[in-house]
Amino acid sequence: MSETREGLLRTVGEVWHEVLGIDGIGPEDDFFDLGGDSVVAARLSALLRERLGVEVPLLMVFDNPTVAELAAELEKAHADRI
């Protein structure tokens, strides 16, 4: 699946909304400050994998806890696939 940077930010934000149940998540909001934990991170990882067609290791979520950071890391890690 080919995503623009803006589209990737939107997709990551939409999945965060789904798993956290919070409206108005911004690119600099922290996953864990919003109530995310390891169980929710696993769900986030699975949904992103489903939507983007790439692997999203849990460690990537933990190391990149904002929408912007995670989108940038996904883009860097999978530039050839998304």
N, C-alpha and C. Protein backbone atom coordinates (compact mmCIF):
# COMPACT_ATOMS: atom_id res chain seq x y z
N MET A 1 0.84 -1.17 0.00
CA MET A 1 0.00 0.00 0.00
C MET A 1 0.89 1.23 0.00
N SER A 2 0.64 2.15 -0.90
CA SER A 2 1.42 3.37 -0.99
C SER A 2 0.73 4.50 -0.23
N GLU A 3 1.45 5.10 0.69
CA GLU A 3 0.90 6.17 1.52
C GLU A 3 1.79 7.39 1.41
N THR A 4 1.19 8.56 1.27
CA THR A 4 1.94 9.79 1.39
C THR A 4 2.23 10.00 2.87
N ARG A 5 3.15 10.91 3.19
CA ARG A 5 3.45 11.19 4.59
C ARG A 5 2.20 11.65 5.32
N GLU A 6 1.43 12.53 4.71
CA GLU A 6 0.18 13.00 5.32
C GLU A 6 -0.81 11.85 5.50
N GLY A 7 -0.91 11.00 4.49
CA GLY A 7 -1.81 9.85 4.57
C GLY A 7 -1.39 8.88 5.65
N LEU A 8 -0.08 8.70 5.80
CA LEU A 8 0.43 7.80 6.83
C LEU A 8 0.13 8.36 8.22
N LEU A 9 0.32 9.66 8.40
CA LEU A 9 -0.04 10.30 9.68
C LEU A 9 -1.52 10.11 9.98
N ARG A 10 -2.34 10.29 8.96
CA ARG A 10 -3.79 10.13 9.13
C ARG A 10 -4.14 8.69 9.51
N THR A 11 -3.55 7.72 8.81
CA THR A 11 -3.83 6.31 9.09
C THR A 11 -3.41 5.94 10.51
N VAL A 12 -2.21 6.34 10.90
CA VAL A 12 -1.73 6.04 12.26
C VAL A 12 -2.66 6.69 13.29
N GLY A 13 -3.04 7.94 13.07
CA GLY A 13 -3.94 8.63 13.98
C GLY A 13 -5.31 7.96 14.08
N GLU A 14 -5.82 7.50 12.95
CA GLU A 14 -7.12 6.81 12.95
C GLU A 14 -7.06 5.52 13.75
N VAL A 15 -5.98 4.77 13.60
CA VAL A 15 -5.84 3.52 14.35
C VAL A 15 -5.69 3.81 15.84
N TRP A 16 -4.95 4.86 16.19
CA TRP A 16 -4.85 5.24 17.60
C TRP A 16 -6.24 5.54 18.14
N HIS A 17 -7.04 6.29 17.38
CA HIS A 17 -8.41 6.61 17.80
C HIS A 17 -9.20 5.33 18.05
N GLU A 18 -9.07 4.37 17.15
CA GLU A 18 -9.79 3.11 17.29
C GLU A 18 -9.40 2.36 18.56
N VAL A 19 -8.10 2.25 18.82
CA VAL A 19 -7.67 1.42 19.95
C VAL A 19 -7.78 2.15 21.29
N LEU A 20 -7.69 3.48 21.27
CA LEU A 20 -7.76 4.23 22.52
C LEU A 20 -9.16 4.79 22.80
N GLY A 21 -9.98 4.91 21.75
CA GLY A 21 -11.32 5.45 21.93
C GLY A 21 -11.34 6.92 22.28
N ILE A 22 -10.35 7.67 21.79
CA ILE A 22 -10.22 9.09 22.10
C ILE A 22 -10.28 9.90 20.81
N ASP A 23 -11.09 10.95 20.80
CA ASP A 23 -11.16 11.86 19.66
C ASP A 23 -10.08 12.93 19.78
N GLY A 24 -9.74 13.51 18.65
CA GLY A 24 -8.84 14.66 18.64
C GLY A 24 -7.40 14.36 18.97
N ILE A 25 -6.92 13.18 18.64
CA ILE A 25 -5.52 12.83 18.90
C ILE A 25 -4.65 13.59 17.89
N GLY A 26 -3.66 14.30 18.42
CA GLY A 26 -2.76 15.07 17.57
C GLY A 26 -1.46 14.34 17.32
N PRO A 27 -0.67 14.84 16.38
CA PRO A 27 0.57 14.16 16.01
C PRO A 27 1.60 14.08 17.13
N GLU A 28 1.52 14.96 18.11
CA GLU A 28 2.51 14.95 19.20
C GLU A 28 1.98 14.36 20.50
N ASP A 29 0.74 13.85 20.48
CA ASP A 29 0.19 13.21 21.68
C ASP A 29 0.92 11.90 21.95
N ASP A 30 1.17 11.61 23.21
CA ASP A 30 1.90 10.42 23.62
C ASP A 30 0.92 9.26 23.89
N PHE A 31 1.17 8.15 23.25
CA PHE A 31 0.33 6.95 23.36
C PHE A 31 0.10 6.55 24.81
N PHE A 32 1.15 6.56 25.60
CA PHE A 32 1.06 6.09 26.98
C PHE A 32 0.40 7.14 27.88
N ASP A 33 0.62 8.42 27.59
CA ASP A 33 -0.07 9.47 28.34
C ASP A 33 -1.57 9.43 28.09
N LEU A 34 -1.98 8.92 26.94
CA LEU A 34 -3.40 8.82 26.59
C LEU A 34 -4.05 7.54 27.12
N GLY A 35 -3.29 6.74 27.85
CA GLY A 35 -3.85 5.53 28.45
C GLY A 35 -3.43 4.24 27.79
N GLY A 36 -2.58 4.32 26.78
CA GLY A 36 -2.11 3.11 26.11
C GLY A 36 -1.22 2.28 27.04
N ASP A 37 -1.26 0.98 26.85
CA ASP A 37 -0.40 0.07 27.60
C ASP A 37 0.04 -1.04 26.66
N SER A 38 0.69 -2.05 27.17
CA SER A 38 1.23 -3.10 26.31
C SER A 38 0.13 -3.88 25.58
N VAL A 39 -1.00 -4.09 26.22
CA VAL A 39 -2.10 -4.81 25.58
C VAL A 39 -2.68 -3.98 24.43
N VAL A 40 -2.89 -2.70 24.68
CA VAL A 40 -3.41 -1.81 23.64
C VAL A 40 -2.38 -1.64 22.53
N ALA A 41 -1.09 -1.60 22.89
CA ALA A 41 -0.03 -1.48 21.89
C ALA A 41 -0.02 -2.71 20.97
N ALA A 42 -0.29 -3.88 21.51
CA ALA A 42 -0.36 -5.09 20.68
C ALA A 42 -1.51 -5.00 19.69
N ARG A 43 -2.63 -4.48 20.14
CA ARG A 43 -3.78 -4.29 19.24
C ARG A 43 -3.46 -3.25 18.17
N LEU A 44 -2.81 -2.16 18.58
CA LEU A 44 -2.38 -1.12 17.65
C LEU A 44 -1.46 -1.70 16.58
N SER A 45 -0.50 -2.48 17.00
CA SER A 45 0.44 -3.10 16.09
C SER A 45 -0.27 -3.99 15.07
N ALA A 46 -1.21 -4.79 15.54
CA ALA A 46 -1.95 -5.69 14.65
C ALA A 46 -2.81 -4.92 13.65
N LEU A 47 -3.48 -3.87 14.10
CA LEU A 47 -4.32 -3.08 13.19
C LEU A 47 -3.49 -2.33 12.17
N LEU A 48 -2.35 -1.79 12.58
CA LEU A 48 -1.48 -1.10 11.62
C LEU A 48 -0.93 -2.09 10.59
N ARG A 49 -0.57 -3.28 11.05
CA ARG A 49 -0.09 -4.32 10.12
C ARG A 49 -1.17 -4.64 9.09
N GLU A 50 -2.41 -4.75 9.57
CA GLU A 50 -3.54 -5.05 8.68
C GLU A 50 -3.78 -3.92 7.67
N ARG A 51 -3.74 -2.69 8.14
CA ARG A 51 -4.03 -1.54 7.27
C ARG A 51 -2.90 -1.21 6.31
N LEU A 52 -1.66 -1.33 6.78
CA LEU A 52 -0.52 -0.90 5.98
C LEU A 52 0.18 -2.05 5.25
N GLY A 53 -0.06 -3.27 5.71
CA GLY A 53 0.57 -4.42 5.08
C GLY A 53 2.05 -4.56 5.41
N VAL A 54 2.48 -4.01 6.56
CA VAL A 54 3.87 -4.12 6.99
C VAL A 54 3.90 -4.52 8.46
N GLU A 55 5.03 -5.09 8.87
CA GLU A 55 5.20 -5.47 10.27
C GLU A 55 5.41 -4.22 11.11
N VAL A 56 4.78 -4.20 12.27
CA VAL A 56 4.92 -3.10 13.23
C VAL A 56 5.25 -3.73 14.58
N PRO A 57 6.55 -3.93 14.84
CA PRO A 57 6.93 -4.57 16.11
C PRO A 57 6.50 -3.73 17.31
N LEU A 58 6.16 -4.40 18.40
CA LEU A 58 5.77 -3.69 19.61
C LEU A 58 6.85 -2.72 20.06
N LEU A 59 8.09 -3.10 19.94
CA LEU A 59 9.19 -2.23 20.34
C LEU A 59 9.15 -0.91 19.56
N MET A 60 8.71 -0.96 18.31
CA MET A 60 8.60 0.26 17.52
C MET A 60 7.57 1.21 18.14
N VAL A 61 6.48 0.67 18.64
CA VAL A 61 5.46 1.49 19.31
C VAL A 61 6.03 2.08 20.59
N PHE A 62 6.71 1.27 21.39
CA PHE A 62 7.28 1.74 22.65
C PHE A 62 8.35 2.81 22.42
N ASP A 63 9.16 2.63 21.39
CA ASP A 63 10.25 3.57 21.11
C ASP A 63 9.79 4.84 20.39
N ASN A 64 8.59 4.83 19.83
CA ASN A 64 8.06 5.96 19.06
C ASN A 64 6.63 6.24 19.51
N PRO A 65 6.48 6.84 20.71
CA PRO A 65 5.16 6.91 21.33
C PRO A 65 4.22 8.02 20.86
N THR A 66 4.60 8.79 19.86
CA THR A 66 3.65 9.77 19.32
C THR A 66 3.26 9.36 17.90
N VAL A 67 2.15 9.88 17.44
CA VAL A 67 1.69 9.58 16.07
C VAL A 67 2.79 9.97 15.08
N ALA A 68 3.34 11.16 15.24
CA ALA A 68 4.36 11.66 14.30
C ALA A 68 5.61 10.79 14.32
N GLU A 69 6.07 10.42 15.52
CA GLU A 69 7.27 9.58 15.61
C GLU A 69 7.04 8.21 15.01
N LEU A 70 5.90 7.61 15.31
CA LEU A 70 5.62 6.27 14.79
C LEU A 70 5.46 6.30 13.27
N ALA A 71 4.76 7.30 12.76
CA ALA A 71 4.60 7.42 11.30
C ALA A 71 5.95 7.60 10.63
N ALA A 72 6.82 8.43 11.20
CA ALA A 72 8.16 8.65 10.63
C ALA A 72 8.98 7.37 10.65
N GLU A 73 8.91 6.63 11.74
CA GLU A 73 9.66 5.38 11.84
C GLU A 73 9.13 4.34 10.86
N LEU A 74 7.81 4.26 10.72
CA LEU A 74 7.22 3.34 9.75
C LEU A 74 7.66 3.70 8.34
N GLU A 75 7.66 4.99 8.04
CA GLU A 75 8.08 5.44 6.72
C GLU A 75 9.54 5.08 6.47
N LYS A 76 10.39 5.29 7.46
CA LYS A 76 11.81 4.98 7.33
C LYS A 76 12.04 3.47 7.20
N ALA A 77 11.39 2.70 8.05
CA ALA A 77 11.60 1.26 8.09
C ALA A 77 11.04 0.54 6.89
N HIS A 78 9.98 1.09 6.31
CA HIS A 78 9.28 0.39 5.23
C HIS A 78 9.09 1.28 4.01
N ALA A 79 10.06 2.15 3.74
CA ALA A 79 9.94 3.10 2.63
C ALA A 79 9.64 2.42 1.30
N ASP A 80 10.10 1.21 1.15
CA ASP A 80 9.88 0.48 -0.10
C ASP A 80 8.50 -0.16 -0.20
N ARG A 81 7.75 -0.14 0.94
CA ARG A 81 6.46 -0.85 0.94
C ARG A 81 5.25 0.02 1.23
N ILE A 82 5.47 1.19 1.84
CA ILE A 82 4.33 2.06 2.15
C ILE A 82 4.50 3.42 1.52
